[in-house]
N, C-alpha and C. Protein backbone atom coordinates (compact mmCIF):
# COMPACT_ATOMS: atom_id res chain seq x y z
N UNK A 1 -27.93 -23.84 62.07
CA UNK A 1 -26.81 -24.27 62.85
C UNK A 1 -25.71 -23.21 62.72
N UNK A 2 -25.04 -22.91 63.83
CA UNK A 2 -23.97 -21.93 63.85
C UNK A 2 -22.62 -22.65 63.91
N UNK A 3 -21.70 -22.23 63.11
CA UNK A 3 -20.37 -22.83 63.13
C UNK A 3 -19.62 -22.39 64.39
N UNK A 4 -18.91 -23.32 65.00
CA UNK A 4 -18.10 -23.02 66.17
C UNK A 4 -16.65 -23.09 65.74
N UNK A 5 -15.92 -22.02 65.96
CA UNK A 5 -14.51 -21.99 65.60
C UNK A 5 -13.71 -22.45 66.81
N UNK A 6 -12.91 -23.51 66.66
CA UNK A 6 -12.15 -24.00 67.81
C UNK A 6 -11.09 -23.00 68.27
N UNK A 7 -10.80 -23.03 69.57
CA UNK A 7 -9.74 -22.24 70.15
C UNK A 7 -8.58 -23.18 70.45
N UNK A 8 -7.41 -22.91 69.91
CA UNK A 8 -6.26 -23.78 70.10
C UNK A 8 -5.70 -23.66 71.51
N UNK A 9 -5.23 -24.80 72.06
CA UNK A 9 -4.55 -24.84 73.35
C UNK A 9 -3.18 -25.48 73.13
N UNK A 10 -2.39 -25.59 74.19
CA UNK A 10 -1.07 -26.22 74.07
C UNK A 10 -1.15 -27.68 73.67
N UNK A 11 -2.22 -28.39 74.07
CA UNK A 11 -2.29 -29.82 73.80
C UNK A 11 -3.43 -30.20 72.86
N UNK A 12 -4.16 -29.23 72.33
CA UNK A 12 -5.28 -29.56 71.45
C UNK A 12 -6.12 -28.34 71.16
N UNK A 13 -7.44 -28.45 71.42
CA UNK A 13 -8.32 -27.32 71.15
C UNK A 13 -9.58 -27.39 71.98
N UNK A 14 -10.22 -26.25 72.16
CA UNK A 14 -11.53 -26.14 72.78
C UNK A 14 -12.54 -26.00 71.66
N UNK A 15 -13.57 -26.84 71.69
CA UNK A 15 -14.59 -26.82 70.64
C UNK A 15 -15.93 -26.78 71.35
N UNK A 16 -16.54 -25.60 71.43
CA UNK A 16 -17.76 -25.46 72.21
C UNK A 16 -17.46 -25.82 73.66
N UNK A 17 -18.27 -26.69 74.27
CA UNK A 17 -18.03 -27.08 75.66
C UNK A 17 -17.00 -28.20 75.84
N UNK A 18 -16.42 -28.68 74.74
CA UNK A 18 -15.49 -29.80 74.82
C UNK A 18 -14.04 -29.34 74.73
N UNK A 19 -13.20 -29.96 75.55
CA UNK A 19 -11.75 -29.77 75.47
C UNK A 19 -11.17 -31.05 74.86
N UNK A 20 -10.58 -30.93 73.68
CA UNK A 20 -10.00 -32.06 72.97
C UNK A 20 -8.49 -31.95 73.07
N UNK A 21 -7.84 -33.04 73.50
CA UNK A 21 -6.40 -32.96 73.68
C UNK A 21 -5.69 -34.19 73.15
N UNK A 22 -4.51 -33.96 72.62
CA UNK A 22 -3.60 -35.05 72.29
C UNK A 22 -2.82 -35.30 73.57
N UNK A 23 -3.23 -36.30 74.34
CA UNK A 23 -2.69 -36.52 75.67
C UNK A 23 -1.25 -36.99 75.66
N UNK A 24 -0.93 -37.94 74.77
CA UNK A 24 0.42 -38.50 74.75
C UNK A 24 0.62 -39.34 73.50
N UNK A 25 1.88 -39.60 73.20
CA UNK A 25 2.25 -40.55 72.16
C UNK A 25 3.62 -41.10 72.54
N UNK A 26 3.99 -42.20 71.93
CA UNK A 26 5.31 -42.75 72.21
C UNK A 26 5.98 -43.18 70.92
N UNK A 27 7.22 -43.58 71.02
CA UNK A 27 7.99 -43.98 69.84
C UNK A 27 7.50 -45.29 69.23
N UNK A 28 6.68 -46.03 69.96
CA UNK A 28 6.16 -47.30 69.46
C UNK A 28 4.92 -47.15 68.60
N UNK A 29 4.40 -45.93 68.45
CA UNK A 29 3.24 -45.70 67.61
C UNK A 29 1.92 -45.64 68.36
N UNK A 30 1.94 -45.71 69.70
CA UNK A 30 0.73 -45.57 70.50
C UNK A 30 0.36 -44.10 70.63
N UNK A 31 -0.94 -43.82 70.62
CA UNK A 31 -1.43 -42.44 70.75
C UNK A 31 -2.59 -42.43 71.74
N UNK A 32 -2.64 -41.40 72.59
CA UNK A 32 -3.74 -41.19 73.52
C UNK A 32 -4.37 -39.84 73.22
N UNK A 33 -5.71 -39.85 73.08
CA UNK A 33 -6.46 -38.63 72.79
C UNK A 33 -7.56 -38.51 73.84
N UNK A 34 -7.79 -37.30 74.32
CA UNK A 34 -8.81 -37.09 75.33
C UNK A 34 -9.86 -36.09 74.89
N UNK A 35 -11.08 -36.29 75.39
CA UNK A 35 -12.17 -35.34 75.21
C UNK A 35 -12.81 -35.16 76.58
N UNK A 36 -12.93 -33.93 77.03
CA UNK A 36 -13.48 -33.67 78.36
C UNK A 36 -14.48 -32.53 78.32
N UNK A 37 -15.47 -32.64 79.19
CA UNK A 37 -16.44 -31.57 79.40
C UNK A 37 -16.50 -31.32 80.91
N UNK A 38 -17.40 -30.47 81.34
CA UNK A 38 -17.56 -30.23 82.76
C UNK A 38 -18.05 -31.47 83.50
N UNK A 39 -18.79 -32.34 82.80
CA UNK A 39 -19.43 -33.48 83.46
C UNK A 39 -18.75 -34.82 83.25
N UNK A 40 -17.98 -34.98 82.18
CA UNK A 40 -17.43 -36.30 81.87
C UNK A 40 -16.16 -36.16 81.04
N UNK A 41 -15.41 -37.27 80.97
CA UNK A 41 -14.22 -37.29 80.14
C UNK A 41 -14.07 -38.65 79.47
N UNK A 42 -13.51 -38.62 78.27
CA UNK A 42 -13.19 -39.84 77.53
C UNK A 42 -11.71 -39.82 77.20
N UNK A 43 -11.09 -40.97 77.27
CA UNK A 43 -9.70 -41.12 76.86
C UNK A 43 -9.65 -42.28 75.88
N UNK A 44 -9.04 -42.05 74.73
CA UNK A 44 -8.96 -43.07 73.69
C UNK A 44 -7.50 -43.39 73.44
N UNK A 45 -7.16 -44.68 73.51
CA UNK A 45 -5.81 -45.17 73.22
C UNK A 45 -5.88 -45.90 71.89
N UNK A 46 -5.08 -45.46 70.94
CA UNK A 46 -5.00 -46.10 69.62
C UNK A 46 -3.66 -46.80 69.54
N UNK A 47 -3.69 -48.12 69.30
CA UNK A 47 -2.46 -48.90 69.22
C UNK A 47 -1.90 -48.85 67.79
N UNK A 48 -0.63 -49.22 67.62
CA UNK A 48 -0.05 -49.23 66.27
C UNK A 48 -0.80 -50.14 65.29
N UNK A 49 -1.45 -51.19 65.80
CA UNK A 49 -2.20 -52.09 64.91
C UNK A 49 -3.61 -51.58 64.62
N UNK A 50 -3.98 -50.43 65.22
CA UNK A 50 -5.27 -49.83 64.93
C UNK A 50 -6.36 -50.17 65.93
N UNK A 51 -6.04 -50.92 66.99
CA UNK A 51 -7.04 -51.21 68.01
C UNK A 51 -7.35 -49.96 68.82
N UNK A 52 -8.59 -49.87 69.31
CA UNK A 52 -9.01 -48.76 70.16
C UNK A 52 -9.31 -49.29 71.56
N UNK A 53 -8.93 -48.52 72.55
CA UNK A 53 -9.31 -48.78 73.93
C UNK A 53 -9.86 -47.46 74.46
N UNK A 54 -11.03 -47.52 75.10
CA UNK A 54 -11.72 -46.30 75.52
C UNK A 54 -12.01 -46.35 77.01
N UNK A 55 -11.73 -45.25 77.70
CA UNK A 55 -12.05 -45.08 79.11
C UNK A 55 -13.00 -43.91 79.25
N UNK A 56 -14.01 -44.07 80.10
CA UNK A 56 -14.92 -42.97 80.43
C UNK A 56 -14.76 -42.68 81.92
N UNK A 57 -14.40 -41.47 82.24
CA UNK A 57 -14.19 -41.06 83.63
C UNK A 57 -13.27 -42.02 84.38
N UNK A 58 -12.23 -42.49 83.69
CA UNK A 58 -11.23 -43.36 84.29
C UNK A 58 -11.58 -44.84 84.32
N UNK A 59 -12.75 -45.22 83.84
CA UNK A 59 -13.16 -46.63 83.83
C UNK A 59 -13.17 -47.14 82.40
N UNK A 60 -12.50 -48.26 82.16
CA UNK A 60 -12.43 -48.82 80.80
C UNK A 60 -13.81 -49.28 80.36
N UNK A 61 -14.24 -48.81 79.18
CA UNK A 61 -15.56 -49.17 78.67
C UNK A 61 -15.51 -49.91 77.33
N UNK A 62 -14.37 -49.85 76.64
CA UNK A 62 -14.23 -50.57 75.36
C UNK A 62 -12.79 -50.95 75.15
N UNK A 63 -12.47 -52.16 74.78
CA UNK A 63 -13.40 -53.27 74.77
C UNK A 63 -13.84 -53.62 76.18
N UNK A 64 -15.02 -54.20 76.29
CA UNK A 64 -15.58 -54.53 77.62
C UNK A 64 -14.66 -55.52 78.32
N UNK A 65 -14.59 -55.37 79.62
CA UNK A 65 -13.75 -56.29 80.40
C UNK A 65 -14.52 -57.47 80.88
């Protein structure tokens, strides 16, 4: 296995074919993190209480609706 050294960007880093970004945060403790490739994207919202909400290509997938 070959180590991949991430390349830093303004909002996160490039790691191999993935672009990882800290999309947003607010004063209430909410954080949004994104991972994108050429084919798909994930967005993760972490609430102050530790709950996760996940979207794939703009469609909410967790928790299920």
